[in-house]
PDB file of N, CA and C in Angstrom:
ATOM      1  N   MET A   1     -81.926 -28.028 -49.219  1.00  0.00           N
ATOM      2  CA  MET A   1     -80.857 -28.173 -48.262  1.00  0.00           C
ATOM      3  C   MET A   1     -79.738 -28.986 -48.901  1.00  0.00           C
ATOM      4  N   ASP A   2     -78.539 -28.456 -48.862  1.00  0.00           N
ATOM      5  CA  ASP A   2     -77.414 -29.155 -49.519  1.00  0.00           C
ATOM      6  C   ASP A   2     -76.841 -30.227 -48.611  1.00  0.00           C
ATOM      7  N   LYS A   3     -76.218 -31.207 -49.274  1.00  0.00           N
ATOM      8  CA  LYS A   3     -75.610 -32.294 -48.521  1.00  0.00           C
ATOM      9  C   LYS A   3     -74.276 -31.835 -47.963  1.00  0.00           C
ATOM     10  N   ARG A   4     -74.049 -32.152 -46.690  1.00  0.00           N
ATOM     11  CA  ARG A   4     -72.792 -31.757 -46.028  1.00  0.00           C
ATOM     12  C   ARG A   4     -71.697 -32.740 -46.404  1.00  0.00           C
ATOM     13  N   ASN A   5     -70.493 -32.240 -46.458  1.00  0.00           N
ATOM     14  CA  ASN A   5     -69.341 -33.083 -46.749  1.00  0.00           C
ATOM     15  C   ASN A   5     -68.695 -33.499 -45.435  1.00  0.00           C
ATOM     16  N   PHE A   6     -68.774 -34.755 -45.126  1.00  0.00           N
ATOM     17  CA  PHE A   6     -68.156 -35.282 -43.920  1.00  0.00           C
ATOM     18  C   PHE A   6     -66.802 -35.915 -44.267  1.00  0.00           C
ATOM     19  N   VAL A   7     -65.918 -35.904 -43.298  1.00  0.00           N
ATOM     20  CA  VAL A   7     -64.626 -36.526 -43.512  1.00  0.00           C
ATOM     21  C   VAL A   7     -64.768 -38.039 -43.543  1.00  0.00           C
ATOM     22  N   PHE A   8     -65.634 -38.572 -42.686  1.00  0.00           N
ATOM     23  CA  PHE A   8     -65.869 -39.994 -42.640  1.00  0.00           C
ATOM     24  C   PHE A   8     -67.104 -40.352 -43.458  1.00  0.00           C
ATOM     25  N   GLY A   9     -67.056 -41.525 -44.055  1.00  0.00           N
ATOM     26  CA  GLY A   9     -68.226 -42.056 -44.753  1.00  0.00           C
ATOM     27  C   GLY A   9     -69.075 -42.896 -43.812  1.00  0.00           C
ATOM     28  N   LYS A  10     -70.140 -43.425 -44.343  1.00  0.00           N
ATOM     29  CA  LYS A  10     -71.041 -44.239 -43.524  1.00  0.00           C
ATOM     30  C   LYS A  10     -70.340 -45.501 -43.043  1.00  0.00           C
ATOM     31  N   GLU A  11     -69.527 -46.103 -43.897  1.00  0.00           N
ATOM     32  CA  GLU A  11     -68.798 -47.315 -43.537  1.00  0.00           C
ATOM     33  C   GLU A  11     -67.807 -47.044 -42.397  1.00  0.00           C
ATOM     34  N   ASN A  12     -67.167 -45.877 -42.398  1.00  0.00           N
ATOM     35  CA  ASN A  12     -66.241 -45.526 -41.320  1.00  0.00           C
ATOM     36  C   ASN A  12     -66.953 -45.427 -39.989  1.00  0.00           C
ATOM     37  N   PHE A  13     -68.134 -44.843 -39.976  1.00  0.00           N
ATOM     38  CA  PHE A  13     -68.882 -44.714 -38.733  1.00  0.00           C
ATOM     39  C   PHE A  13     -69.343 -46.086 -38.214  1.00  0.00           C
ATOM     40  N   ILE A  14     -69.697 -46.980 -39.109  1.00  0.00           N
ATOM     41  CA  ILE A  14     -70.116 -48.325 -38.696  1.00  0.00           C
ATOM     42  C   ILE A  14     -68.943 -49.068 -38.072  1.00  0.00           C
ATOM     43  N   ILE A  15     -67.778 -49.004 -38.730  1.00  0.00           N
ATOM     44  CA  ILE A  15     -66.586 -49.672 -38.202  1.00  0.00           C
ATOM     45  C   ILE A  15     -66.203 -49.047 -36.856  1.00  0.00           C
ATOM     46  N   LEU A  16     -66.309 -47.757 -36.740  1.00  0.00           N
ATOM     47  CA  LEU A  16     -65.979 -47.074 -35.478  1.00  0.00           C
ATOM     48  C   LEU A  16     -66.911 -47.500 -34.365  1.00  0.00           C
ATOM     49  N   ALA A  17     -68.194 -47.617 -34.655  1.00  0.00           N
ATOM     50  CA  ALA A  17     -69.171 -48.033 -33.632  1.00  0.00           C
ATOM     51  C   ALA A  17     -68.901 -49.473 -33.179  1.00  0.00           C
ATOM     52  N   ILE A  18     -68.590 -50.363 -34.128  1.00  0.00           N
ATOM     53  CA  ILE A  18     -68.302 -51.759 -33.785  1.00  0.00           C
ATOM     54  C   ILE A  18     -67.039 -51.836 -32.956  1.00  0.00           C
ATOM     55  N   SER A  19     -66.019 -51.048 -33.307  1.00  0.00           N
ATOM     56  CA  SER A  19     -64.769 -51.093 -32.558  1.00  0.00           C
ATOM     57  C   SER A  19     -64.922 -50.550 -31.148  1.00  0.00           C
ATOM     58  N   ILE A  20     -65.701 -49.510 -30.971  1.00  0.00           N
ATOM     59  CA  ILE A  20     -65.945 -49.007 -29.619  1.00  0.00           C
ATOM     60  C   ILE A  20     -66.703 -50.037 -28.791  1.00  0.00           C
ATOM     61  N   LEU A  21     -67.634 -50.737 -29.420  1.00  0.00           N
ATOM     62  CA  LEU A  21     -68.358 -51.798 -28.732  1.00  0.00           C
ATOM     63  C   LEU A  21     -67.395 -52.927 -28.331  1.00  0.00           C
ATOM     64  N   LEU A  22     -66.433 -53.258 -29.185  1.00  0.00           N
ATOM     65  CA  LEU A  22     -65.415 -54.285 -28.848  1.00  0.00           C
ATOM     66  C   LEU A  22     -64.566 -53.860 -27.666  1.00  0.00           C
ATOM     67  N   VAL A  23     -64.184 -52.588 -27.624  1.00  0.00           N
ATOM     68  CA  VAL A  23     -63.380 -52.079 -26.490  1.00  0.00           C
ATOM     69  C   VAL A  23     -64.192 -52.198 -25.196  1.00  0.00           C
ATOM     70  N   ILE A  24     -65.449 -51.823 -25.236  1.00  0.00           N
ATOM     71  CA  ILE A  24     -66.297 -51.922 -24.045  1.00  0.00           C
ATOM     72  C   ILE A  24     -66.467 -53.370 -23.595  1.00  0.00           C
ATOM     73  N   ILE A  25     -66.669 -54.282 -24.550  1.00  0.00           N
ATOM     74  CA  ILE A  25     -66.776 -55.690 -24.205  1.00  0.00           C
ATOM     75  C   ILE A  25     -65.488 -56.209 -23.607  1.00  0.00           C
ATOM     76  N   GLY A  26     -64.369 -55.793 -24.155  1.00  0.00           N
ATOM     77  CA  GLY A  26     -63.055 -56.208 -23.613  1.00  0.00           C
ATOM     78  C   GLY A  26     -62.858 -55.766 -22.188  1.00  0.00           C
ATOM     79  N   PHE A  27     -63.197 -54.508 -21.877  1.00  0.00           N
ATOM     80  CA  PHE A  27     -63.072 -54.027 -20.512  1.00  0.00           C
ATOM     81  C   PHE A  27     -64.083 -54.734 -19.588  1.00  0.00           C
ATOM     82  N   TRP A  28     -65.243 -55.049 -20.093  1.00  0.00           N
ATOM     83  CA  TRP A  28     -66.210 -55.781 -19.283  1.00  0.00           C
ATOM     84  C   TRP A  28     -65.686 -57.173 -18.956  1.00  0.00           C
ATOM     85  N   LEU A  29     -65.026 -57.819 -19.935  1.00  0.00           N
ATOM     86  CA  LEU A  29     -64.466 -59.158 -19.695  1.00  0.00           C
ATOM     87  C   LEU A  29     -63.329 -59.088 -18.680  1.00  0.00           C
ATOM     88  N   MET A  30     -62.619 -57.985 -18.598  1.00  0.00           N
ATOM     89  CA  MET A  30     -61.534 -57.835 -17.628  1.00  0.00           C
ATOM     90  C   MET A  30     -62.048 -57.604 -16.224  1.00  0.00           C
ATOM     91  N   SER A  31     -63.227 -57.089 -16.085  1.00  0.00           N
ATOM     92  CA  SER A  31     -63.743 -56.784 -14.760  1.00  0.00           C
ATOM     93  C   SER A  31     -64.165 -58.058 -14.056  1.00  0.00           C
ATOM     94  N   GLY A  32     -64.314 -57.959 -12.774  1.00  0.00           N
ATOM     95  CA  GLY A  32     -64.676 -59.138 -11.998  1.00  0.00           C
ATOM     96  C   GLY A  32     -65.350 -58.761 -10.710  1.00  0.00           C
ATOM     97  N   ALA A  33     -65.599 -59.785  -9.926  1.00  0.00           N
ATOM     98  CA  ALA A  33     -66.262 -59.589  -8.636  1.00  0.00           C
ATOM     99  C   ALA A  33     -65.301 -58.973  -7.644  1.00  0.00           C
ATOM    100  N   LYS A  34     -65.864 -58.327  -6.644  1.00  0.00           N
ATOM    101  CA  LYS A  34     -65.062 -57.784  -5.570  1.00  0.00           C
ATOM    102  C   LYS A  34     -64.532 -58.902  -4.678  1.00  0.00           C
ATOM    103  N   THR A  35     -63.393 -58.658  -4.049  1.00  0.00           N
ATOM    104  CA  THR A  35     -62.855 -59.664  -3.159  1.00  0.00           C
ATOM    105  C   THR A  35     -63.607 -59.640  -1.825  1.00  0.00           C
ATOM    106  N   THR A  36     -63.901 -60.797  -1.317  1.00  0.00           N
ATOM    107  CA  THR A  36     -64.598 -60.895  -0.026  1.00  0.00           C
ATOM    108  C   THR A  36     -63.666 -61.427   1.045  1.00  0.00           C
ATOM    109  N   GLU A  37     -62.478 -61.841   0.676  1.00  0.00           N
ATOM    110  CA  GLU A  37     -61.543 -62.376   1.657  1.00  0.00           C
ATOM    111  C   GLU A  37     -60.867 -61.232   2.399  1.00  0.00           C
ATOM    112  N   GLU A  38     -60.431 -61.530   3.583  1.00  0.00           N
ATOM    113  CA  GLU A  38     -59.746 -60.510   4.386  1.00  0.00           C
ATOM    114  C   GLU A  38     -58.341 -60.224   3.871  1.00  0.00           C
ATOM    115  N   THR A  39     -57.752 -61.197   3.216  1.00  0.00           N
ATOM    116  CA  THR A  39     -56.383 -61.013   2.709  1.00  0.00           C
ATOM    117  C   THR A  39     -56.387 -60.128   1.463  1.00  0.00           C
ATOM    118  N   GLY A  40     -57.497 -60.038   0.784  1.00  0.00           N
ATOM    119  CA  GLY A  40     -57.582 -59.235  -0.413  1.00  0.00           C
ATOM    120  C   GLY A  40     -57.124 -59.941  -1.674  1.00  0.00           C
ATOM    121  N   PHE A  41     -56.738 -61.204  -1.585  1.00  0.00           N
ATOM    122  CA  PHE A  41     -56.278 -61.973  -2.726  1.00  0.00           C
ATOM    123  C   PHE A  41     -57.439 -62.687  -3.360  1.00  0.00           C
ATOM    124  N   ASP A  42     -57.602 -62.532  -4.650  1.00  0.00           N
ATOM    125  CA  ASP A  42     -58.685 -63.174  -5.386  1.00  0.00           C
ATOM    126  C   ASP A  42     -58.056 -64.064  -6.463  1.00  0.00           C
ATOM    127  N   PRO A  43     -58.113 -65.400  -6.299  1.00  0.00           N
ATOM    128  CA  PRO A  43     -57.489 -66.280  -7.302  1.00  0.00           C
ATOM    129  C   PRO A  43     -58.193 -66.255  -8.638  1.00  0.00           C
ATOM    130  N   ALA A  44     -59.385 -65.699  -8.722  1.00  0.00           N
ATOM    131  CA  ALA A  44     -60.112 -65.605  -9.997  1.00  0.00           C
ATOM    132  C   ALA A  44     -59.481 -64.588 -10.924  1.00  0.00           C
ATOM    133  N   VAL A  45     -58.555 -63.794 -10.417  1.00  0.00           N
ATOM    134  CA  VAL A  45     -57.884 -62.804 -11.262  1.00  0.00           C
ATOM    135  C   VAL A  45     -57.035 -63.497 -12.331  1.00  0.00           C
ATOM    136  N   PHE A  46     -56.582 -64.695 -12.039  1.00  0.00           N
ATOM    137  CA  PHE A  46     -55.678 -65.399 -12.938  1.00  0.00           C
ATOM    138  C   PHE A  46     -56.372 -66.393 -13.859  1.00  0.00           C
ATOM    139  N   ASN A  47     -57.645 -66.189 -14.167  1.00  0.00           N
ATOM    140  CA  ASN A  47     -58.275 -67.103 -15.103  1.00  0.00           C
ATOM    141  C   ASN A  47     -58.027 -66.637 -16.538  1.00  0.00           C
ATOM    142  N   ALA A  48     -58.243 -67.523 -17.500  1.00  0.00           N
ATOM    143  CA  ALA A  48     -57.896 -67.271 -18.898  1.00  0.00           C
ATOM    144  C   ALA A  48     -58.720 -66.140 -19.496  1.00  0.00           C
ATOM    145  N   ARG A  49     -59.932 -65.981 -19.056  1.00  0.00           N
ATOM    146  CA  ARG A  49     -60.783 -64.918 -19.612  1.00  0.00           C
ATOM    147  C   ARG A  49     -60.194 -63.539 -19.356  1.00  0.00           C
ATOM    148  N   ARG A  50     -59.659 -63.351 -18.146  1.00  0.00           N
ATOM    149  CA  ARG A  50     -59.156 -62.031 -17.765  1.00  0.00           C
ATOM    150  C   ARG A  50     -57.765 -61.735 -18.293  1.00  0.00           C
ATOM    151  N   ILE A  51     -56.922 -62.754 -18.435  1.00  0.00           N
ATOM    152  CA  ILE A  51     -55.549 -62.473 -18.820  1.00  0.00           C
ATOM    153  C   ILE A  51     -55.220 -62.805 -20.286  1.00  0.00           C
ATOM    154  N   ILE A  52     -56.119 -63.486 -20.986  1.00  0.00           N
ATOM    155  CA  ILE A  52     -55.852 -63.816 -22.386  1.00  0.00           C
ATOM    156  C   ILE A  52     -56.928 -63.241 -23.312  1.00  0.00           C
ATOM    157  N   VAL A  53     -58.164 -63.607 -23.067  1.00  0.00           N
ATOM    158  CA  VAL A  53     -59.263 -63.241 -23.990  1.00  0.00           C
ATOM    159  C   VAL A  53     -59.556 -61.742 -23.951  1.00  0.00           C
ATOM    160  N   ALA A  54     -59.700 -61.187 -22.779  1.00  0.00           N
ATOM    161  CA  ALA A  54     -60.086 -59.779 -22.662  1.00  0.00           C
ATOM    162  C   ALA A  54     -59.060 -58.817 -23.272  1.00  0.00           C
ATOM    163  N   PRO A  55     -57.741 -58.993 -23.020  1.00  0.00           N
ATOM    164  CA  PRO A  55     -56.804 -58.084 -23.674  1.00  0.00           C
ATOM    165  C   PRO A  55     -56.793 -58.210 -25.203  1.00  0.00           C
ATOM    166  N   ILE A  56     -57.006 -59.417 -25.724  1.00  0.00           N
ATOM    167  CA  ILE A  56     -57.032 -59.598 -27.161  1.00  0.00           C
ATOM    168  C   ILE A  56     -58.239 -58.877 -27.755  1.00  0.00           C
ATOM    169  N   VAL A  57     -59.401 -59.017 -27.132  1.00  0.00           N
ATOM    170  CA  VAL A  57     -60.621 -58.347 -27.614  1.00  0.00           C
ATOM    171  C   VAL A  57     -60.452 -56.827 -27.540  1.00  0.00           C
ATOM    172  N   THR A  58     -59.854 -56.333 -26.453  1.00  0.00           N
ATOM    173  CA  THR A  58     -59.656 -54.896 -26.295  1.00  0.00           C
ATOM    174  C   THR A  58     -58.672 -54.346 -27.333  1.00  0.00           C
ATOM    175  N   MET A  59     -57.565 -55.042 -27.539  1.00  0.00           N
ATOM    176  CA  MET A  59     -56.606 -54.583 -28.536  1.00  0.00           C
ATOM    177  C   MET A  59     -57.184 -54.631 -29.933  1.00  0.00           C
ATOM    178  N   ALA A  60     -57.998 -55.638 -30.235  1.00  0.00           N
ATOM    179  CA  ALA A  60     -58.653 -55.700 -31.543  1.00  0.00           C
ATOM    180  C   ALA A  60     -59.580 -54.500 -31.724  1.00  0.00           C
ATOM    181  N   GLY A  61     -60.247 -54.097 -30.657  1.00  0.00           N
ATOM    182  CA  GLY A  61     -61.112 -52.912 -30.738  1.00  0.00           C
ATOM    183  C   GLY A  61     -60.318 -51.650 -30.977  1.00  0.00           C
ATOM    184  N   PHE A  62     -59.177 -51.487 -30.299  1.00  0.00           N
ATOM    185  CA  PHE A  62     -58.349 -50.300 -30.493  1.00  0.00           C
ATOM    186  C   PHE A  62     -57.742 -50.268 -31.906  1.00  0.00           C
ATOM    187  N   ILE A  63     -57.337 -51.435 -32.422  1.00  0.00           N
ATOM    188  CA  ILE A  63     -56.817 -51.472 -33.800  1.00  0.00           C
ATOM    189  C   ILE A  63     -57.893 -51.131 -34.800  1.00  0.00           C
ATOM    190  N   MET A  64     -59.117 -51.588 -34.539  1.00  0.00           N
ATOM    191  CA  MET A  64     -60.219 -51.244 -35.451  1.00  0.00           C
ATOM    192  C   MET A  64     -60.555 -49.757 -35.404  1.00  0.00           C
ATOM    193  N   VAL A  65     -60.378 -49.116 -34.241  1.00  0.00           N
ATOM    194  CA  VAL A  65     -60.599 -47.678 -34.163  1.00  0.00           C
ATOM    195  C   VAL A  65     -59.616 -46.944 -35.069  1.00  0.00           C
ATOM    196  N   VAL A  66     -58.348 -47.354 -35.008  1.00  0.00           N
ATOM    197  CA  VAL A  66     -57.349 -46.714 -35.868  1.00  0.00           C
ATOM    198  C   VAL A  66     -57.681 -46.976 -37.339  1.00  0.00           C
ATOM    199  N   TRP A  67     -58.080 -48.200 -37.643  1.00  0.00           N
ATOM    200  CA  TRP A  67     -58.439 -48.538 -39.020  1.00  0.00           C
ATOM    201  C   TRP A  67     -59.616 -47.712 -39.517  1.00  0.00           C
ATOM    202  N   ALA A  68     -60.628 -47.527 -38.655  1.00  0.00           N
ATOM    203  CA  ALA A  68     -61.798 -46.738 -39.025  1.00  0.00           C
ATOM    204  C   ALA A  68     -61.434 -45.285 -39.296  1.00  0.00           C
ATOM    205  N   ILE A  69     -60.443 -44.778 -38.553  1.00  0.00           N
ATOM    206  CA  ILE A  69     -60.044 -43.387 -38.741  1.00  0.00           C
ATOM    207  C   ILE A  69     -59.223 -43.224 -40.022  1.00  0.00           C
ATOM    208  N   LEU A  70     -58.329 -44.171 -40.296  1.00  0.00           N
ATOM    209  CA  LEU A  70     -57.417 -44.052 -41.438  1.00  0.00           C
ATOM    210  C   LEU A  70     -58.017 -44.512 -42.759  1.00  0.00           C
ATOM    211  N   LYS A  71     -59.078 -45.270 -42.734  1.00  0.00           N
ATOM    212  CA  LYS A  71     -59.691 -45.794 -43.974  1.00  0.00           C
ATOM    213  C   LYS A  71     -60.286 -44.660 -44.759  1.00  0.00           C
ATOM    214  N   LYS A  72     -59.976 -44.668 -46.055  1.00  0.00           N
ATOM    215  CA  LYS A  72     -60.549 -43.644 -46.935  1.00  0.00           C
ATOM    216  C   LYS A  72     -61.978 -44.038 -47.272  1.00  0.00           C
ATOM    217  N   PRO A  73     -62.909 -43.095 -47.171  1.00  0.00           N
ATOM    218  CA  PRO A  73     -64.298 -43.416 -47.545  1.00  0.00           C
ATOM    219  C   PRO A  73     -64.414 -43.564 -49.051  1.00  0.00           C
ATOM    220  N   LYS A  74     -65.336 -44.433 -49.469  1.00  0.00           N
ATOM    221  CA  LYS A  74     -65.574 -44.607 -50.888  1.00  0.00           C
ATOM    222  C   LYS A  74     -66.252 -43.366 -51.442  1.00  0.00           C
ATOM    223  N   ASP A  75     -65.795 -42.947 -52.613  1.00  0.00           N
ATOM    224  CA  ASP A  75     -66.371 -41.787 -53.259  1.00  0.00           C
ATOM    225  C   ASP A  75     -67.632 -42.205 -54.002  1.00  0.00           C
ATOM    226  N   GLY A  76     -68.766 -41.599 -53.718  1.00  0.00           N
ATOM    227  CA  GLY A  76     -70.010 -41.948 -54.336  1.00  0.00           C
ATOM    228  C   GLY A  76     -70.136 -41.476 -55.780  1.00  0.00           C
ATOM    229  N   LYS A  77     -69.245 -40.597 -56.197  1.00  0.00           N
ATOM    230  CA  LYS A  77     -69.293 -40.072 -57.558  1.00  0.00           C
ATOM    231  C   LYS A  77     -68.513 -40.987 -58.482  1.00  0.00           C
ATOM    232  N   LYS A  78     -69.072 -41.252 -59.673  1.00  0.00           N
ATOM    233  CA  LYS A  78     -68.355 -42.070 -60.667  1.00  0.00           C
ATOM    234  C   LYS A  78     -68.161 -41.299 -61.925  1.00  0.00           C
TER     235      LYS A  78
END
């Protein structure tokens, strides 16, 4: 059975998997509890985790996705 030629190398797939995991973690950090007040206002929306940390983690994941796609795989032949 011959070896198939893939566009991505093993390293590209690893970076892609890590970056998708970062995006999922970022969206999870943005999520929160449902509001129980009748007014519908939840002051926990304005905490640092949701407005600073989560968008940075999500953007880092999206940037890593682009990097994983554009990175040239190492050629195994010497």
